[in-house]
Amino acid sequence: MAVEIDIDNASCRFSVEGIEYHKPLSEVRITTDSQARMSVLESGAARLLISEDEAQRLVAAGAADERRNLIEDE
């Protein structure tokens, strides 16, 4: 299931390991998983790897952007 954003209610819906979550965007943080080299949606105990497009859409809708840039070692 992709992340569904409800702009009118400032919330999002997503599923992690078969459990569906419906969270206000004010409770959602977008962070970085350095091992997976992907963005992560975090809210309470829920954690979901997401695409950069999903991360950008969530941040634009009101989620906290706590991502950090990863620079590849040469």
N, C-alpha and C. Protein backbone atom coordinates (compact mmCIF):
# COMPACT_ATOMS: atom_id res chain seq x y z
N MET A 1 0.84 -1.19 0.00
CA MET A 1 0.00 0.00 0.00
C MET A 1 0.88 1.24 0.00
N ALA A 2 0.62 2.12 -0.89
CA ALA A 2 1.31 3.40 -0.91
C ALA A 2 0.77 4.28 0.21
N VAL A 3 1.47 5.33 0.49
CA VAL A 3 1.01 6.29 1.49
C VAL A 3 -0.08 7.14 0.85
N GLU A 4 -1.22 7.23 1.51
CA GLU A 4 -2.33 8.07 1.04
C GLU A 4 -2.36 9.33 1.90
N ILE A 5 -2.39 10.49 1.24
CA ILE A 5 -2.42 11.76 1.96
C ILE A 5 -3.80 12.39 1.81
N ASP A 6 -4.37 12.81 2.93
CA ASP A 6 -5.66 13.50 2.95
C ASP A 6 -5.38 14.96 3.32
N ILE A 7 -5.25 15.80 2.31
CA ILE A 7 -4.92 17.21 2.52
C ILE A 7 -5.99 17.91 3.35
N ASP A 8 -7.27 17.63 3.07
CA ASP A 8 -8.36 18.31 3.77
C ASP A 8 -8.33 18.08 5.27
N ASN A 9 -7.92 16.88 5.68
CA ASN A 9 -7.88 16.55 7.11
C ASN A 9 -6.46 16.55 7.68
N ALA A 10 -5.48 16.97 6.88
CA ALA A 10 -4.07 17.03 7.29
C ALA A 10 -3.64 15.72 7.94
N SER A 11 -3.90 14.61 7.22
CA SER A 11 -3.55 13.29 7.75
C SER A 11 -3.05 12.39 6.63
N CYS A 12 -2.55 11.23 7.02
CA CYS A 12 -2.13 10.24 6.03
C CYS A 12 -2.48 8.85 6.52
N ARG A 13 -2.54 7.93 5.57
CA ARG A 13 -2.87 6.53 5.86
C ARG A 13 -1.80 5.67 5.19
N PHE A 14 -1.33 4.66 5.95
CA PHE A 14 -0.32 3.74 5.43
C PHE A 14 -0.40 2.43 6.20
N SER A 15 0.26 1.42 5.69
CA SER A 15 0.22 0.09 6.30
C SER A 15 1.64 -0.40 6.54
N VAL A 16 1.86 -0.98 7.74
CA VAL A 16 3.15 -1.57 8.09
C VAL A 16 2.88 -2.97 8.64
N GLU A 17 3.43 -3.97 7.97
CA GLU A 17 3.28 -5.37 8.39
C GLU A 17 1.82 -5.74 8.65
N GLY A 18 0.95 -5.32 7.75
CA GLY A 18 -0.46 -5.68 7.83
C GLY A 18 -1.29 -4.82 8.77
N ILE A 19 -0.67 -3.89 9.47
CA ILE A 19 -1.41 -3.01 10.38
C ILE A 19 -1.58 -1.66 9.67
N GLU A 20 -2.83 -1.21 9.58
CA GLU A 20 -3.11 0.06 8.93
C GLU A 20 -3.09 1.20 9.95
N TYR A 21 -2.44 2.29 9.58
CA TYR A 21 -2.33 3.46 10.44
C TYR A 21 -2.99 4.64 9.75
N HIS A 22 -3.64 5.48 10.54
CA HIS A 22 -4.20 6.74 10.07
C HIS A 22 -3.70 7.79 11.05
N LYS A 23 -2.77 8.64 10.59
CA LYS A 23 -2.09 9.57 11.48
C LYS A 23 -2.20 11.01 10.99
N PRO A 24 -2.33 11.95 11.93
CA PRO A 24 -2.25 13.36 11.55
C PRO A 24 -0.83 13.65 11.03
N LEU A 25 -0.70 14.49 10.03
CA LEU A 25 0.61 14.83 9.49
C LEU A 25 1.50 15.47 10.55
N SER A 26 0.92 16.11 11.54
CA SER A 26 1.70 16.72 12.61
C SER A 26 2.43 15.68 13.46
N GLU A 27 2.04 14.41 13.36
CA GLU A 27 2.68 13.32 14.11
C GLU A 27 3.62 12.49 13.23
N VAL A 28 3.84 12.93 11.99
CA VAL A 28 4.66 12.17 11.04
C VAL A 28 5.99 12.88 10.82
N ARG A 29 7.08 12.10 10.90
CA ARG A 29 8.42 12.61 10.60
C ARG A 29 8.97 11.84 9.42
N ILE A 30 9.68 12.53 8.55
CA ILE A 30 10.37 11.88 7.44
C ILE A 30 11.86 11.94 7.77
N THR A 31 12.47 10.76 7.92
CA THR A 31 13.88 10.67 8.28
C THR A 31 14.62 9.90 7.18
N THR A 32 15.87 9.56 7.45
CA THR A 32 16.70 8.85 6.49
C THR A 32 17.22 7.56 7.10
N ASP A 33 17.13 6.46 6.36
CA ASP A 33 17.74 5.20 6.75
C ASP A 33 19.04 5.09 5.97
N SER A 34 20.17 5.30 6.65
CA SER A 34 21.45 5.33 5.95
C SER A 34 21.85 3.97 5.39
N GLN A 35 21.43 2.89 6.02
CA GLN A 35 21.75 1.55 5.51
C GLN A 35 20.99 1.26 4.22
N ALA A 36 19.69 1.55 4.21
CA ALA A 36 18.86 1.30 3.03
C ALA A 36 19.02 2.42 1.99
N ARG A 37 19.56 3.56 2.44
CA ARG A 37 19.73 4.73 1.58
C ARG A 37 18.37 5.18 1.01
N MET A 38 17.38 5.22 1.92
CA MET A 38 16.02 5.62 1.54
C MET A 38 15.44 6.53 2.62
N SER A 39 14.38 7.21 2.27
CA SER A 39 13.62 7.98 3.24
C SER A 39 12.71 7.05 4.02
N VAL A 40 12.37 7.49 5.24
CA VAL A 40 11.55 6.68 6.14
C VAL A 40 10.44 7.54 6.71
N LEU A 41 9.21 7.01 6.69
CA LEU A 41 8.09 7.63 7.37
C LEU A 41 8.10 7.06 8.78
N GLU A 42 8.12 7.93 9.78
CA GLU A 42 8.08 7.49 11.18
C GLU A 42 6.95 8.20 11.90
N SER A 43 6.19 7.42 12.66
CA SER A 43 5.12 7.98 13.48
C SER A 43 4.88 7.02 14.63
N GLY A 44 5.27 7.44 15.83
CA GLY A 44 5.18 6.53 16.97
C GLY A 44 6.07 5.33 16.72
N ALA A 45 5.52 4.13 16.89
CA ALA A 45 6.28 2.90 16.68
C ALA A 45 6.29 2.47 15.21
N ALA A 46 5.48 3.12 14.38
CA ALA A 46 5.39 2.75 12.97
C ALA A 46 6.57 3.33 12.19
N ARG A 47 7.15 2.49 11.34
CA ARG A 47 8.30 2.91 10.52
C ARG A 47 8.17 2.26 9.16
N LEU A 48 8.23 3.06 8.08
CA LEU A 48 8.02 2.55 6.74
C LEU A 48 8.99 3.21 5.76
N LEU A 49 9.76 2.39 5.02
CA LEU A 49 10.61 2.91 3.96
C LEU A 49 9.72 3.42 2.84
N ILE A 50 10.03 4.62 2.34
CA ILE A 50 9.21 5.22 1.30
C ILE A 50 10.11 5.78 0.20
N SER A 51 9.51 6.03 -0.96
CA SER A 51 10.24 6.61 -2.08
C SER A 51 10.47 8.10 -1.83
N GLU A 52 11.39 8.67 -2.58
CA GLU A 52 11.65 10.11 -2.46
C GLU A 52 10.43 10.92 -2.89
N ASP A 53 9.69 10.43 -3.87
CA ASP A 53 8.47 11.13 -4.28
C ASP A 53 7.46 11.18 -3.14
N GLU A 54 7.27 10.04 -2.44
CA GLU A 54 6.35 10.01 -1.30
C GLU A 54 6.85 10.93 -0.19
N ALA A 55 8.16 10.92 0.06
CA ALA A 55 8.74 11.78 1.09
C ALA A 55 8.46 13.24 0.77
N GLN A 56 8.69 13.64 -0.46
CA GLN A 56 8.46 15.03 -0.87
C GLN A 56 6.99 15.42 -0.72
N ARG A 57 6.08 14.51 -1.12
CA ARG A 57 4.64 14.81 -1.01
C ARG A 57 4.23 14.96 0.45
N LEU A 58 4.75 14.10 1.33
CA LEU A 58 4.42 14.18 2.76
C LEU A 58 4.94 15.47 3.38
N VAL A 59 6.17 15.84 3.06
CA VAL A 59 6.75 17.08 3.59
C VAL A 59 5.95 18.28 3.09
N ALA A 60 5.61 18.29 1.81
CA ALA A 60 4.82 19.40 1.25
C ALA A 60 3.45 19.50 1.91
N ALA A 61 2.91 18.36 2.36
CA ALA A 61 1.58 18.34 2.99
C ALA A 61 1.64 18.71 4.47
N GLY A 62 2.85 18.70 5.07
CA GLY A 62 2.95 19.12 6.46
C GLY A 62 3.73 18.21 7.40
N ALA A 63 4.25 17.10 6.92
CA ALA A 63 5.06 16.22 7.77
C ALA A 63 6.41 16.89 8.05
N ALA A 64 7.00 16.58 9.19
CA ALA A 64 8.31 17.14 9.55
C ALA A 64 9.40 16.51 8.70
N ASP A 65 10.26 17.35 8.14
CA ASP A 65 11.35 16.88 7.29
C ASP A 65 12.63 16.81 8.11
N GLU A 66 13.01 15.61 8.52
CA GLU A 66 14.23 15.40 9.29
C GLU A 66 15.22 14.54 8.53
N ARG A 67 15.12 14.57 7.19
CA ARG A 67 16.05 13.81 6.36
C ARG A 67 17.42 14.45 6.39
N ARG A 68 18.43 13.64 6.09
CA ARG A 68 19.78 14.17 5.94
C ARG A 68 20.37 13.62 4.66
N ASN A 69 21.22 14.40 4.05
CA ASN A 69 21.86 13.97 2.81
C ASN A 69 22.93 12.95 3.11
N LEU A 70 22.98 11.92 2.30
CA LEU A 70 24.01 10.90 2.42
C LEU A 70 25.00 11.10 1.28
N ILE A 71 26.27 11.18 1.62
CA ILE A 71 27.30 11.36 0.61
C ILE A 71 28.09 10.06 0.51
N GLU A 72 28.19 9.55 -0.71
CA GLU A 72 28.90 8.30 -0.94
C GLU A 72 30.40 8.54 -0.78
N ASP A 73 31.05 7.64 -0.02
CA ASP A 73 32.51 7.71 0.12
C ASP A 73 33.16 7.36 -1.19
N GLU A 74 34.23 8.05 -1.50
CA GLU A 74 34.95 7.77 -2.74
C GLU A 74 36.16 6.91 -2.48
